[in-house]
PDB file of N, CA and C in Angstrom:
ATOM      1  N   MET A   1      48.290  19.998  16.018  1.00  0.00           N
ATOM      2  CA  MET A   1      47.891  19.599  14.688  1.00  0.00           C
ATOM      3  C   MET A   1      47.717  20.865  13.848  1.00  0.00           C
ATOM      4  N   THR A   2      48.326  20.854  12.677  1.00  0.00           N
ATOM      5  CA  THR A   2      48.253  22.037  11.811  1.00  0.00           C
ATOM      6  C   THR A   2      46.882  22.116  11.145  1.00  0.00           C
ATOM      7  N   LYS A   3      46.617  23.271  10.572  1.00  0.00           N
ATOM      8  CA  LYS A   3      45.345  23.476   9.881  1.00  0.00           C
ATOM      9  C   LYS A   3      45.213  22.509   8.710  1.00  0.00           C
ATOM     10  N   LEU A   4      46.297  22.247   7.994  1.00  0.00           N
ATOM     11  CA  LEU A   4      46.283  21.326   6.861  1.00  0.00           C
ATOM     12  C   LEU A   4      45.988  19.898   7.333  1.00  0.00           C
ATOM     13  N   GLU A   5      46.636  19.475   8.419  1.00  0.00           N
ATOM     14  CA  GLU A   5      46.406  18.128   8.947  1.00  0.00           C
ATOM     15  C   GLU A   5      44.950  17.964   9.392  1.00  0.00           C
ATOM     16  N   ARG A   6      44.403  19.017  10.035  1.00  0.00           N
ATOM     17  CA  ARG A   6      43.000  18.982  10.456  1.00  0.00           C
ATOM     18  C   ARG A   6      42.080  18.858   9.253  1.00  0.00           C
ATOM     19  N   SER A   7      42.378  19.610   8.196  1.00  0.00           N
ATOM     20  CA  SER A   7      41.562  19.570   6.975  1.00  0.00           C
ATOM     21  C   SER A   7      41.597  18.188   6.332  1.00  0.00           C
ATOM     22  N   VAL A   8      42.785  17.589   6.296  1.00  0.00           N
ATOM     23  CA  VAL A   8      42.917  16.254   5.716  1.00  0.00           C
ATOM     24  C   VAL A   8      42.142  15.239   6.556  1.00  0.00           C
ATOM     25  N   LEU A   9      42.223  15.352   7.861  1.00  0.00           N
ATOM     26  CA  LEU A   9      41.510  14.444   8.754  1.00  0.00           C
ATOM     27  C   LEU A   9      39.996  14.580   8.580  1.00  0.00           C
ATOM     28  N   VAL A  10      39.504  15.796   8.511  1.00  0.00           N
ATOM     29  CA  VAL A  10      38.076  16.040   8.301  1.00  0.00           C
ATOM     30  C   VAL A  10      37.644  15.459   6.962  1.00  0.00           C
ATOM     31  N   LEU A  11      38.454  15.661   5.932  1.00  0.00           N
ATOM     32  CA  LEU A  11      38.145  15.126   4.609  1.00  0.00           C
ATOM     33  C   LEU A  11      38.105  13.601   4.645  1.00  0.00           C
ATOM     34  N   LEU A  12      39.046  12.992   5.341  1.00  0.00           N
ATOM     35  CA  LEU A  12      39.093  11.542   5.462  1.00  0.00           C
ATOM     36  C   LEU A  12      37.827  11.012   6.145  1.00  0.00           C
ATOM     37  N   PHE A  13      37.426  11.642   7.244  1.00  0.00           N
ATOM     38  CA  PHE A  13      36.197  11.227   7.923  1.00  0.00           C
ATOM     39  C   PHE A  13      34.978  11.394   7.023  1.00  0.00           C
ATOM     40  N   ALA A  14      34.944  12.467   6.247  1.00  0.00           N
ATOM     41  CA  ALA A  14      33.825  12.708   5.337  1.00  0.00           C
ATOM     42  C   ALA A  14      33.742  11.608   4.275  1.00  0.00           C
ATOM     43  N   VAL A  15      34.887  11.215   3.732  1.00  0.00           N
ATOM     44  CA  VAL A  15      34.905  10.157   2.712  1.00  0.00           C
ATOM     45  C   VAL A  15      34.456   8.829   3.312  1.00  0.00           C
ATOM     46  N   VAL A  16      34.954   8.492   4.485  1.00  0.00           N
ATOM     47  CA  VAL A  16      34.539   7.249   5.145  1.00  0.00           C
ATOM     48  C   VAL A  16      33.050   7.276   5.432  1.00  0.00           C
ATOM     49  N   ALA A  17      32.534   8.378   5.926  1.00  0.00           N
ATOM     50  CA  ALA A  17      31.101   8.495   6.207  1.00  0.00           C
ATOM     51  C   ALA A  17      30.283   8.343   4.933  1.00  0.00           C
ATOM     52  N   MET A  18      30.740   8.959   3.855  1.00  0.00           N
ATOM     53  CA  MET A  18      30.023   8.872   2.581  1.00  0.00           C
ATOM     54  C   MET A  18      30.005   7.431   2.078  1.00  0.00           C
ATOM     55  N   LEU A  19      31.121   6.728   2.167  1.00  0.00           N
ATOM     56  CA  LEU A  19      31.167   5.338   1.728  1.00  0.00           C
ATOM     57  C   LEU A  19      30.268   4.459   2.587  1.00  0.00           C
ATOM     58  N   THR A  20      30.221   4.721   3.868  1.00  0.00           N
ATOM     59  CA  THR A  20      29.362   3.959   4.762  1.00  0.00           C
ATOM     60  C   THR A  20      27.899   4.180   4.425  1.00  0.00           C
ATOM     61  N   VAL A  21      27.497   5.409   4.218  1.00  0.00           N
ATOM     62  CA  VAL A  21      26.107   5.715   3.871  1.00  0.00           C
ATOM     63  C   VAL A  21      25.748   5.089   2.541  1.00  0.00           C
ATOM     64  N   THR A  22      26.638   5.176   1.551  1.00  0.00           N
ATOM     65  CA  THR A  22      26.377   4.591   0.235  1.00  0.00           C
ATOM     66  C   THR A  22      26.203   3.082   0.354  1.00  0.00           C
ATOM     67  N   SER A  23      27.051   2.428   1.117  1.00  0.00           N
ATOM     68  CA  SER A  23      26.962   0.987   1.293  1.00  0.00           C
ATOM     69  C   SER A  23      25.647   0.613   1.967  1.00  0.00           C
ATOM     70  N   CYS A  24      25.275   1.324   3.020  1.00  0.00           N
ATOM     71  CA  CYS A  24      24.020   1.042   3.721  1.00  0.00           C
ATOM     72  C   CYS A  24      22.819   1.303   2.822  1.00  0.00           C
ATOM     73  N   ALA A  25      22.875   2.359   2.034  1.00  0.00           N
ATOM     74  CA  ALA A  25      21.771   2.671   1.124  1.00  0.00           C
ATOM     75  C   ALA A  25      21.636   1.576   0.079  1.00  0.00           C
ATOM     76  N   GLY A  26      22.752   1.089  -0.443  1.00  0.00           N
ATOM     77  CA  GLY A  26      22.719   0.001  -1.417  1.00  0.00           C
ATOM     78  C   GLY A  26      22.144  -1.262  -0.825  1.00  0.00           C
ATOM     79  N   GLU A  27      22.547  -1.585   0.402  1.00  0.00           N
ATOM     80  CA  GLU A  27      22.003  -2.764   1.075  1.00  0.00           C
ATOM     81  C   GLU A  27      20.514  -2.598   1.343  1.00  0.00           C
ATOM     82  N   ARG A  28      20.089  -1.417   1.736  1.00  0.00           N
ATOM     83  CA  ARG A  28      18.670  -1.163   2.007  1.00  0.00           C
ATOM     84  C   ARG A  28      17.850  -1.330   0.736  1.00  0.00           C
ATOM     85  N   ARG A  29      18.360  -0.801  -0.386  1.00  0.00           N
ATOM     86  CA  ARG A  29      17.667  -0.940  -1.676  1.00  0.00           C
ATOM     87  C   ARG A  29      17.566  -2.417  -2.046  1.00  0.00           C
ATOM     88  N   CYS A  30      18.639  -3.148  -1.855  1.00  0.00           N
ATOM     89  CA  CYS A  30      18.655  -4.576  -2.145  1.00  0.00           C
ATOM     90  C   CYS A  30      17.562  -5.284  -1.355  1.00  0.00           C
ATOM     91  N   ILE A  31      17.468  -5.005  -0.077  1.00  0.00           N
ATOM     92  CA  ILE A  31      16.465  -5.650   0.780  1.00  0.00           C
ATOM     93  C   ILE A  31      15.061  -5.224   0.377  1.00  0.00           C
ATOM     94  N   ASP A  32      14.859  -3.942   0.093  1.00  0.00           N
ATOM     95  CA  ASP A  32      13.533  -3.455  -0.305  1.00  0.00           C
ATOM     96  C   ASP A  32      13.048  -4.139  -1.583  1.00  0.00           C
ATOM     97  N   VAL A  33      13.923  -4.225  -2.585  1.00  0.00           N
ATOM     98  CA  VAL A  33      13.538  -4.839  -3.857  1.00  0.00           C
ATOM     99  C   VAL A  33      13.306  -6.333  -3.671  1.00  0.00           C
ATOM    100  N   TRP A  34      14.149  -6.985  -2.871  1.00  0.00           N
ATOM    101  CA  TRP A  34      13.987  -8.414  -2.578  1.00  0.00           C
ATOM    102  C   TRP A  34      12.647  -8.655  -1.886  1.00  0.00           C
ATOM    103  N   GLU A  35      12.276  -7.777  -0.948  1.00  0.00           N
ATOM    104  CA  GLU A  35      10.982  -7.915  -0.259  1.00  0.00           C
ATOM    105  C   GLU A  35       9.823  -7.715  -1.231  1.00  0.00           C
ATOM    106  N   ASP A  36       9.939  -6.752  -2.159  1.00  0.00           N
ATOM    107  CA  ASP A  36       8.903  -6.550  -3.179  1.00  0.00           C
ATOM    108  C   ASP A  36       8.737  -7.800  -4.027  1.00  0.00           C
ATOM    109  N   MET A  37       9.849  -8.389  -4.414  1.00  0.00           N
ATOM    110  CA  MET A  37       9.782  -9.605  -5.224  1.00  0.00           C
ATOM    111  C   MET A  37       9.070 -10.710  -4.445  1.00  0.00           C
ATOM    112  N   GLY A  38       9.384 -10.847  -3.170  1.00  0.00           N
ATOM    113  CA  GLY A  38       8.717 -11.845  -2.339  1.00  0.00           C
ATOM    114  C   GLY A  38       7.223 -11.576  -2.229  1.00  0.00           C
ATOM    115  N   LEU A  39       6.850 -10.321  -2.084  1.00  0.00           N
ATOM    116  CA  LEU A  39       5.445  -9.938  -1.940  1.00  0.00           C
ATOM    117  C   LEU A  39       4.663 -10.211  -3.220  1.00  0.00           C
ATOM    118  N   TYR A  40       5.189  -9.756  -4.355  1.00  0.00           N
ATOM    119  CA  TYR A  40       4.445  -9.845  -5.613  1.00  0.00           C
ATOM    120  C   TYR A  40       4.625 -11.164  -6.354  1.00  0.00           C
ATOM    121  N   CYS A  41       5.618 -11.954  -5.964  1.00  0.00           N
ATOM    122  CA  CYS A  41       5.888 -13.196  -6.689  1.00  0.00           C
ATOM    123  C   CYS A  41       5.661 -14.451  -5.842  1.00  0.00           C
ATOM    124  N   GLN A  42       5.262 -14.284  -4.591  1.00  0.00           N
ATOM    125  CA  GLN A  42       5.203 -15.448  -3.701  1.00  0.00           C
ATOM    126  C   GLN A  42       4.340 -16.580  -4.242  1.00  0.00           C
ATOM    127  N   ASN A  43       3.225 -16.263  -4.888  1.00  0.00           N
ATOM    128  CA  ASN A  43       2.339 -17.315  -5.405  1.00  0.00           C
ATOM    129  C   ASN A  43       2.977 -18.105  -6.539  1.00  0.00           C
ATOM    130  N   TYR A  44       3.987 -17.544  -7.162  1.00  0.00           N
ATOM    131  CA  TYR A  44       4.645 -18.202  -8.285  1.00  0.00           C
ATOM    132  C   TYR A  44       5.909 -18.937  -7.866  1.00  0.00           C
ATOM    133  N   LEU A  45       6.304 -18.787  -6.588  1.00  0.00           N
ATOM    134  CA  LEU A  45       7.574 -19.332  -6.120  1.00  0.00           C
ATOM    135  C   LEU A  45       7.443 -20.427  -5.057  1.00  0.00           C
ATOM    136  N   MET A  46       6.240 -20.647  -4.564  1.00  0.00           N
ATOM    137  CA  MET A  46       6.071 -21.590  -3.456  1.00  0.00           C
ATOM    138  C   MET A  46       6.160 -23.044  -3.931  1.00  0.00           C
ATOM    139  N   HIS A  47       6.561 -23.906  -3.027  1.00  0.00           N
ATOM    140  CA  HIS A  47       6.576 -25.348  -3.275  1.00  0.00           C
ATOM    141  C   HIS A  47       5.145 -25.822  -3.475  1.00  0.00           C
ATOM    142  N   PRO A  48       4.907 -26.896  -4.201  1.00  0.00           N
ATOM    143  CA  PRO A  48       5.867 -27.804  -4.843  1.00  0.00           C
ATOM    144  C   PRO A  48       6.432 -27.205  -6.126  1.00  0.00           C
ATOM    145  N   ASP A  49       7.404 -27.929  -6.718  1.00  0.00           N
ATOM    146  CA  ASP A  49       8.084 -27.430  -7.908  1.00  0.00           C
ATOM    147  C   ASP A  49       7.159 -27.317  -9.122  1.00  0.00           C
ATOM    148  N   ASP A  50       6.099 -28.084  -9.148  1.00  0.00           N
ATOM    149  CA  ASP A  50       5.128 -28.021 -10.250  1.00  0.00           C
ATOM    150  C   ASP A  50       3.734 -27.881  -9.677  1.00  0.00           C
ATOM    151  N   PRO A  51       2.815 -27.242 -10.348  1.00  0.00           N
ATOM    152  CA  PRO A  51       2.965 -26.658 -11.676  1.00  0.00           C
ATOM    153  C   PRO A  51       3.620 -25.283 -11.601  1.00  0.00           C
ATOM    154  N   LYS A  52       4.236 -24.913 -12.696  1.00  0.00           N
ATOM    155  CA  LYS A  52       4.818 -23.568 -12.816  1.00  0.00           C
ATOM    156  C   LYS A  52       3.775 -22.680 -13.477  1.00  0.00           C
ATOM    157  N   ILE A  53       3.544 -21.505 -12.899  1.00  0.00           N
ATOM    158  CA  ILE A  53       2.515 -20.578 -13.373  1.00  0.00           C
ATOM    159  C   ILE A  53       3.193 -19.332 -13.918  1.00  0.00           C
ATOM    160  N   LEU A  54       2.738 -18.874 -15.065  1.00  0.00           N
ATOM    161  CA  LEU A  54       3.282 -17.653 -15.653  1.00  0.00           C
ATOM    162  C   LEU A  54       3.084 -16.499 -14.674  1.00  0.00           C
ATOM    163  N   PRO A  55       4.157 -15.784 -14.323  1.00  0.00           N
ATOM    164  CA  PRO A  55       4.042 -14.707 -13.331  1.00  0.00           C
ATOM    165  C   PRO A  55       3.264 -13.503 -13.861  1.00  0.00           C
ATOM    166  N   SER A  56       2.695 -12.754 -12.927  1.00  0.00           N
ATOM    167  CA  SER A  56       1.948 -11.536 -13.267  1.00  0.00           C
ATOM    168  C   SER A  56       2.898 -10.433 -13.719  1.00  0.00           C
ATOM    169  N   ASP A  57       2.317  -9.407 -14.318  1.00  0.00           N
ATOM    170  CA  ASP A  57       3.113  -8.238 -14.714  1.00  0.00           C
ATOM    171  C   ASP A  57       3.740  -7.586 -13.489  1.00  0.00           C
ATOM    172  N   ARG A  58       3.007  -7.521 -12.378  1.00  0.00           N
ATOM    173  CA  ARG A  58       3.522  -6.892 -11.140  1.00  0.00           C
ATOM    174  C   ARG A  58       4.721  -7.667 -10.607  1.00  0.00           C
ATOM    175  N   CYS A  59       4.632  -8.994 -10.677  1.00  0.00           N
ATOM    176  CA  CYS A  59       5.768  -9.825 -10.265  1.00  0.00           C
ATOM    177  C   CYS A  59       6.966  -9.536 -11.166  1.00  0.00           C
ATOM    178  N   CYS A  60       6.736  -9.504 -12.466  1.00  0.00           N
ATOM    179  CA  CYS A  60       7.837  -9.246 -13.405  1.00  0.00           C
ATOM    180  C   CYS A  60       8.428  -7.855 -13.215  1.00  0.00           C
ATOM    181  N   ASP A  61       7.598  -6.880 -12.864  1.00  0.00           N
ATOM    182  CA  ASP A  61       8.126  -5.543 -12.573  1.00  0.00           C
ATOM    183  C   ASP A  61       9.109  -5.607 -11.404  1.00  0.00           C
ATOM    184  N   ALA A  62       8.750  -6.370 -10.371  1.00  0.00           N
ATOM    185  CA  ALA A  62       9.641  -6.524  -9.216  1.00  0.00           C
ATOM    186  C   ALA A  62      10.912  -7.273  -9.610  1.00  0.00           C
ATOM    187  N   VAL A  63      10.762  -8.318 -10.419  1.00  0.00           N
ATOM    188  CA  VAL A  63      11.922  -9.088 -10.876  1.00  0.00           C
ATOM    189  C   VAL A  63      12.880  -8.191 -11.656  1.00  0.00           C
ATOM    190  N   GLN A  64      12.353  -7.322 -12.484  1.00  0.00           N
ATOM    191  CA  GLN A  64      13.195  -6.439 -13.289  1.00  0.00           C
ATOM    192  C   GLN A  64      14.032  -5.495 -12.424  1.00  0.00           C
ATOM    193  N   GLN A  65      13.566  -5.209 -11.213  1.00  0.00           N
ATOM    194  CA  GLN A  65      14.281  -4.294 -10.319  1.00  0.00           C
ATOM    195  C   GLN A  65      15.379  -4.985  -9.518  1.00  0.00           C
ATOM    196  N   ILE A  66      15.325  -6.321  -9.437  1.00  0.00           N
ATOM    197  CA  ILE A  66      16.248  -7.038  -8.558  1.00  0.00           C
ATOM    198  C   ILE A  66      17.650  -7.098  -9.161  1.00  0.00           C
ATOM    199  N   ASP A  67      18.614  -6.968  -8.314  1.00  0.00           N
ATOM    200  CA  ASP A  67      20.010  -7.148  -8.676  1.00  0.00           C
ATOM    201  C   ASP A  67      20.324  -8.616  -8.403  1.00  0.00           C
ATOM    202  N   ILE A  68      20.769  -9.344  -9.415  1.00  0.00           N
ATOM    203  CA  ILE A  68      20.943 -10.792  -9.259  1.00  0.00           C
ATOM    204  C   ILE A  68      21.914 -11.141  -8.132  1.00  0.00           C
ATOM    205  N   PRO A  69      23.075 -10.491  -7.997  1.00  0.00           N
ATOM    206  CA  PRO A  69      23.921 -10.806  -6.834  1.00  0.00           C
ATOM    207  C   PRO A  69      23.202 -10.547  -5.502  1.00  0.00           C
ATOM    208  N   CYS A  70      22.348  -9.516  -5.467  1.00  0.00           N
ATOM    209  CA  CYS A  70      21.558  -9.258  -4.259  1.00  0.00           C
ATOM    210  C   CYS A  70      20.638 -10.433  -3.989  1.00  0.00           C
ATOM    211  N   LEU A  71      19.872 -10.826  -5.005  1.00  0.00           N
ATOM    212  CA  LEU A  71      18.952 -11.957  -4.853  1.00  0.00           C
ATOM    213  C   LEU A  71      19.702 -13.188  -4.371  1.00  0.00           C
ATOM    214  N   CYS A  72      20.799 -13.497  -5.022  1.00  0.00           N
ATOM    215  CA  CYS A  72      21.549 -14.707  -4.691  1.00  0.00           C
ATOM    216  C   CYS A  72      22.143 -14.660  -3.288  1.00  0.00           C
ATOM    217  N   SER A  73      22.363 -13.466  -2.759  1.00  0.00           N
ATOM    218  CA  SER A  73      22.915 -13.355  -1.401  1.00  0.00           C
ATOM    219  C   SER A  73      21.933 -13.871  -0.352  1.00  0.00           C
ATOM    220  N   PHE A  74      20.644 -13.976  -0.710  1.00  0.00           N
ATOM    221  CA  PHE A  74      19.642 -14.465   0.225  1.00  0.00           C
ATOM    222  C   PHE A  74      19.406 -15.970   0.127  1.00  0.00           C
ATOM    223  N   VAL A  75      19.947 -16.609  -0.903  1.00  0.00           N
ATOM    224  CA  VAL A  75      19.664 -18.024  -1.142  1.00  0.00           C
ATOM    225  C   VAL A  75      20.531 -18.884  -0.236  1.00  0.00           C
ATOM    226  N   ASP A  76      19.875 -19.419   0.792  1.00  0.00           N
ATOM    227  CA  ASP A  76      20.514 -20.346   1.711  1.00  0.00           C
ATOM    228  C   ASP A  76      19.527 -21.477   1.976  1.00  0.00           C
ATOM    229  N   ALA A  77      19.854 -22.382   2.867  1.00  0.00           N
ATOM    230  CA  ALA A  77      18.992 -23.539   3.128  1.00  0.00           C
ATOM    231  C   ALA A  77      17.613 -23.105   3.615  1.00  0.00           C
ATOM    232  N   LEU A  78      17.537 -22.078   4.439  1.00  0.00           N
ATOM    233  CA  LEU A  78      16.252 -21.598   4.939  1.00  0.00           C
ATOM    234  C   LEU A  78      15.416 -21.020   3.799  1.00  0.00           C
ATOM    235  N   TYR A  79      16.026 -20.247   2.914  1.00  0.00           N
ATOM    236  CA  TYR A  79      15.334 -19.673   1.759  1.00  0.00           C
ATOM    237  C   TYR A  79      14.749 -20.787   0.896  1.00  0.00           C
ATOM    238  N   GLU A  80      15.538 -21.840   0.678  1.00  0.00           N
ATOM    239  CA  GLU A  80      15.086 -22.945  -0.165  1.00  0.00           C
ATOM    240  C   GLU A  80      13.924 -23.727   0.457  1.00  0.00           C
ATOM    241  N   LYS A  81      13.756 -23.633   1.769  1.00  0.00           N
ATOM    242  CA  LYS A  81      12.604 -24.291   2.399  1.00  0.00           C
ATOM    243  C   LYS A  81      11.305 -23.590   2.021  1.00  0.00           C
ATOM    244  N   GLY A  82      11.359 -22.296   1.773  1.00  0.00           N
ATOM    245  CA  GLY A  82      10.159 -21.542   1.452  1.00  0.00           C
ATOM    246  C   GLY A  82       9.974 -21.266  -0.028  1.00  0.00           C
ATOM    247  N   VAL A  83      11.050 -21.370  -0.801  1.00  0.00           N
ATOM    248  CA  VAL A  83      10.995 -21.021  -2.221  1.00  0.00           C
ATOM    249  C   VAL A  83      11.448 -22.212  -3.058  1.00  0.00           C
ATOM    250  N   SER A  84      10.649 -22.543  -4.060  1.00  0.00           N
ATOM    251  CA  SER A  84      11.030 -23.575  -5.022  1.00  0.00           C
ATOM    252  C   SER A  84      12.055 -22.959  -5.973  1.00  0.00           C
ATOM    253  N   MET A  85      13.272 -23.443  -5.915  1.00  0.00           N
ATOM    254  CA  MET A  85      14.312 -22.878  -6.777  1.00  0.00           C
ATOM    255  C   MET A  85      14.030 -23.134  -8.259  1.00  0.00           C
ATOM    256  N   PRO A  86      13.500 -24.299  -8.656  1.00  0.00           N
ATOM    257  CA  PRO A  86      13.129 -24.450 -10.071  1.00  0.00           C
ATOM    258  C   PRO A  86      12.072 -23.418 -10.497  1.00  0.00           C
ATOM    259  N   LYS A  87      11.146 -23.076  -9.600  1.00  0.00           N
ATOM    260  CA  LYS A  87      10.163 -22.037  -9.924  1.00  0.00           C
ATOM    261  C   LYS A  87      10.819 -20.661  -9.991  1.00  0.00           C
ATOM    262  N   LEU A  88      11.794 -20.404  -9.115  1.00  0.00           N
ATOM    263  CA  LEU A  88      12.501 -19.130  -9.165  1.00  0.00           C
ATOM    264  C   LEU A  88      13.203 -18.977 -10.516  1.00  0.00           C
ATOM    265  N   VAL A  89      13.868 -20.036 -10.973  1.00  0.00           N
ATOM    266  CA  VAL A  89      14.548 -20.004 -12.272  1.00  0.00           C
ATOM    267  C   VAL A  89      13.518 -19.745 -13.374  1.00  0.00           C
ATOM    268  N   TYR A  90      12.362 -20.417 -13.295  1.00  0.00           N
ATOM    269  CA  TYR A  90      11.297 -20.246 -14.283  1.00  0.00           C
ATOM    270  C   TYR A  90      10.772 -18.806 -14.291  1.00  0.00           C
ATOM    271  N   VAL A  91      10.494 -18.260 -13.115  1.00  0.00           N
ATOM    272  CA  VAL A  91       9.963 -16.894 -13.012  1.00  0.00           C
ATOM    273  C   VAL A  91      10.983 -15.883 -13.539  1.00  0.00           C
ATOM    274  N   MET A  92      12.231 -16.038 -13.168  1.00  0.00           N
ATOM    275  CA  MET A  92      13.263 -15.119 -13.647  1.00  0.00           C
ATOM    276  C   MET A  92      13.333 -15.163 -15.174  1.00  0.00           C
ATOM    277  N   ASP A  93      13.261 -16.348 -15.745  1.00  0.00           N
ATOM    278  CA  ASP A  93      13.300 -16.501 -17.194  1.00  0.00           C
ATOM    279  C   ASP A  93      12.054 -15.896 -17.839  1.00  0.00           C
ATOM    280  N   ALA A  94      10.876 -16.203 -17.284  1.00  0.00           N
ATOM    281  CA  ALA A  94       9.618 -15.682 -17.830  1.00  0.00           C
ATOM    282  C   ALA A  94       9.571 -14.160 -17.780  1.00  0.00           C
ATOM    283  N   CYS A  95      10.244 -13.575 -16.808  1.00  0.00           N
ATOM    284  CA  CYS A  95      10.270 -12.116 -16.653  1.00  0.00           C
ATOM    285  C   CYS A  95      11.461 -11.474 -17.370  1.00  0.00           C
ATOM    286  N   GLN A  96      12.111 -12.232 -18.237  1.00  0.00           N
ATOM    287  CA  GLN A  96      13.204 -11.719 -19.061  1.00  0.00           C
ATOM    288  C   GLN A  96      14.436 -11.277 -18.258  1.00  0.00           C
ATOM    289  N   LYS A  97      14.663 -11.956 -17.126  1.00  0.00           N
ATOM    290  CA  LYS A  97      15.869 -11.699 -16.341  1.00  0.00           C
ATOM    291  C   LYS A  97      16.422 -13.056 -15.898  1.00  0.00           C
ATOM    292  N   PRO A  98      16.838 -13.871 -16.880  1.00  0.00           N
ATOM    293  CA  PRO A  98      17.194 -15.261 -16.571  1.00  0.00           C
ATOM    294  C   PRO A  98      18.474 -15.408 -15.753  1.00  0.00           C
ATOM    295  N   LEU A  99      18.483 -16.483 -14.975  1.00  0.00           N
ATOM    296  CA  LEU A  99      19.697 -16.918 -14.294  1.00  0.00           C
ATOM    297  C   LEU A  99      20.387 -17.867 -15.275  1.00  0.00           C
ATOM    298  N   ARG A 100      21.649 -17.637 -15.540  1.00  0.00           N
ATOM    299  CA  ARG A 100      22.371 -18.460 -16.511  1.00  0.00           C
ATOM    300  C   ARG A 100      22.497 -19.902 -16.047  1.00  0.00           C
ATOM    301  N   PRO A 101      22.291 -20.852 -16.970  1.00  0.00           N
ATOM    302  CA  PRO A 101      22.508 -22.263 -16.622  1.00  0.00           C
ATOM    303  C   PRO A 101      23.927 -22.459 -16.091  1.00  0.00           C
ATOM    304  N   GLY A 102      24.033 -23.187 -15.005  1.00  0.00           N
ATOM    305  CA  GLY A 102      25.336 -23.457 -14.396  1.00  0.00           C
ATOM    306  C   GLY A 102      25.777 -22.421 -13.388  1.00  0.00           C
ATOM    307  N   CYS A 103      25.025 -21.314 -13.262  1.00  0.00           N
ATOM    308  CA  CYS A 103      25.463 -20.287 -12.313  1.00  0.00           C
ATOM    309  C   CYS A 103      25.164 -20.718 -10.883  1.00  0.00           C
ATOM    310  N   LYS A 104      25.970 -20.232  -9.981  1.00  0.00           N
ATOM    311  CA  LYS A 104      25.833 -20.526  -8.558  1.00  0.00           C
ATOM    312  C   LYS A 104      25.140 -19.335  -7.918  1.00  0.00           C
ATOM    313  N   CYS A 105      23.916 -19.565  -7.442  1.00  0.00           N
ATOM    314  CA  CYS A 105      23.122 -18.513  -6.805  1.00  0.00           C
ATOM    315  C   CYS A 105      22.960 -18.898  -5.341  1.00  0.00           C
ATOM    316  N   GLY A 106      23.775 -18.322  -4.479  1.00  0.00           N
ATOM    317  CA  GLY A 106      23.793 -18.748  -3.084  1.00  0.00           C
ATOM    318  C   GLY A 106      24.263 -20.190  -3.018  1.00  0.00           C
ATOM    319  N   ILE A 107      23.464 -21.053  -2.367  1.00  0.00           N
ATOM    320  CA  ILE A 107      23.842 -22.465  -2.272  1.00  0.00           C
ATOM    321  C   ILE A 107      23.259 -23.287  -3.414  1.00  0.00           C
ATOM    322  N   TYR A 108      22.493 -22.650  -4.296  1.00  0.00           N
ATOM    323  CA  TYR A 108      21.825 -23.347  -5.397  1.00  0.00           C
ATOM    324  C   TYR A 108      22.604 -23.155  -6.696  1.00  0.00           C
ATOM    325  N   THR A 109      22.733 -24.231  -7.460  1.00  0.00           N
ATOM    326  CA  THR A 109      23.342 -24.139  -8.776  1.00  0.00           C
ATOM    327  C   THR A 109      22.246 -24.346  -9.806  1.00  0.00           C
ATOM    328  N   VAL A 110      22.090 -23.388 -10.698  1.00  0.00           N
ATOM    329  CA  VAL A 110      21.083 -23.472 -11.745  1.00  0.00           C
ATOM    330  C   VAL A 110      21.449 -24.640 -12.659  1.00  0.00           C
ATOM    331  N   PRO A 111      20.494 -25.553 -12.897  1.00  0.00           N
ATOM    332  CA  PRO A 111      20.798 -26.717 -13.743  1.00  0.00           C
ATOM    333  C   PRO A 111      21.361 -26.286 -15.099  1.00  0.00           C
ATOM    334  N   SER A 112      22.329 -27.067 -15.544  1.00  0.00           N
ATOM    335  CA  SER A 112      22.969 -26.751 -16.819  1.00  0.00           C
ATOM    336  C   SER A 112      23.098 -28.003 -17.656  1.00  0.00           C
ATOM    337  N   SER A 113      23.503 -27.794 -18.872  1.00  0.00           N
ATOM    338  CA  SER A 113      23.749 -28.925 -19.762  1.00  0.00           C
ATOM    339  C   SER A 113      25.262 -29.076 -19.923  1.00  0.00           C
ATOM    340  N   GLY A 114      25.941 -29.254 -18.805  1.00  0.00           N
ATOM    341  CA  GLY A 114      27.369 -29.471 -18.822  1.00  0.00           C
ATOM    342  C   GLY A 114      28.216 -28.218 -18.815  1.00  0.00           C
ATOM    343  N   GLN A 115      27.590 -27.045 -18.702  1.00  0.00           N
ATOM    344  CA  GLN A 115      28.370 -25.812 -18.656  1.00  0.00           C
ATOM    345  C   GLN A 115      29.064 -25.684 -17.313  1.00  0.00           C
ATOM    346  N   GLN A 116      30.129 -24.935 -17.308  1.00  0.00           N
ATOM    347  CA  GLN A 116      30.894 -24.720 -16.084  1.00  0.00           C
ATOM    348  C   GLN A 116      30.126 -23.796 -15.141  1.00  0.00           C
ATOM    349  N   ASP A 117      30.158 -24.138 -13.858  1.00  0.00           N
ATOM    350  CA  ASP A 117      29.507 -23.272 -12.862  1.00  0.00           C
ATOM    351  C   ASP A 117      30.216 -21.938 -12.801  1.00  0.00           C
ATOM    352  N   GLY A 118      29.451 -20.911 -12.472  1.00  0.00           N
ATOM    353  CA  GLY A 118      30.043 -19.589 -12.350  1.00  0.00           C
ATOM    354  C   GLY A 118      29.066 -18.633 -11.707  1.00  0.00           C
ATOM    355  N   ASP A 119      29.368 -17.353 -11.799  1.00  0.00           N
ATOM    356  CA  ASP A 119      28.493 -16.323 -11.251  1.00  0.00           C
ATOM    357  C   ASP A 119      27.247 -16.199 -12.121  1.00  0.00           C
ATOM    358  N   CYS A 120      26.177 -15.725 -11.499  1.00  0.00           N
ATOM    359  CA  CYS A 120      24.919 -15.540 -12.228  1.00  0.00           C
ATOM    360  C   CYS A 120      24.942 -14.204 -12.909  1.00  0.00           C
TER     361      CYS A 120
END
């Protein structure tokens, strides 16, 4: 193997390693922020669907940090057993980070007034 081929191979491994670390760091941040939201917002998200309570500033601070695709990646049947989705929509809206009507967030579709479903 020539010196140039070795250099290209080393560079290729470095790029792959960098992309892997970046991806893992992004996933870790997503999980950390999602856990913060669960910690600071749990009292505003639990079943039953009513009454809806205005979230605290600390909850809204956590909501502001969440990446909506990250949040939606956690929404499955198990998540819905512990979290009232109508309350989640309410909290997101109250914290100025609304989920668009008709958007598909995991397995949940945000109620709409006839709008087409899509990404949040």
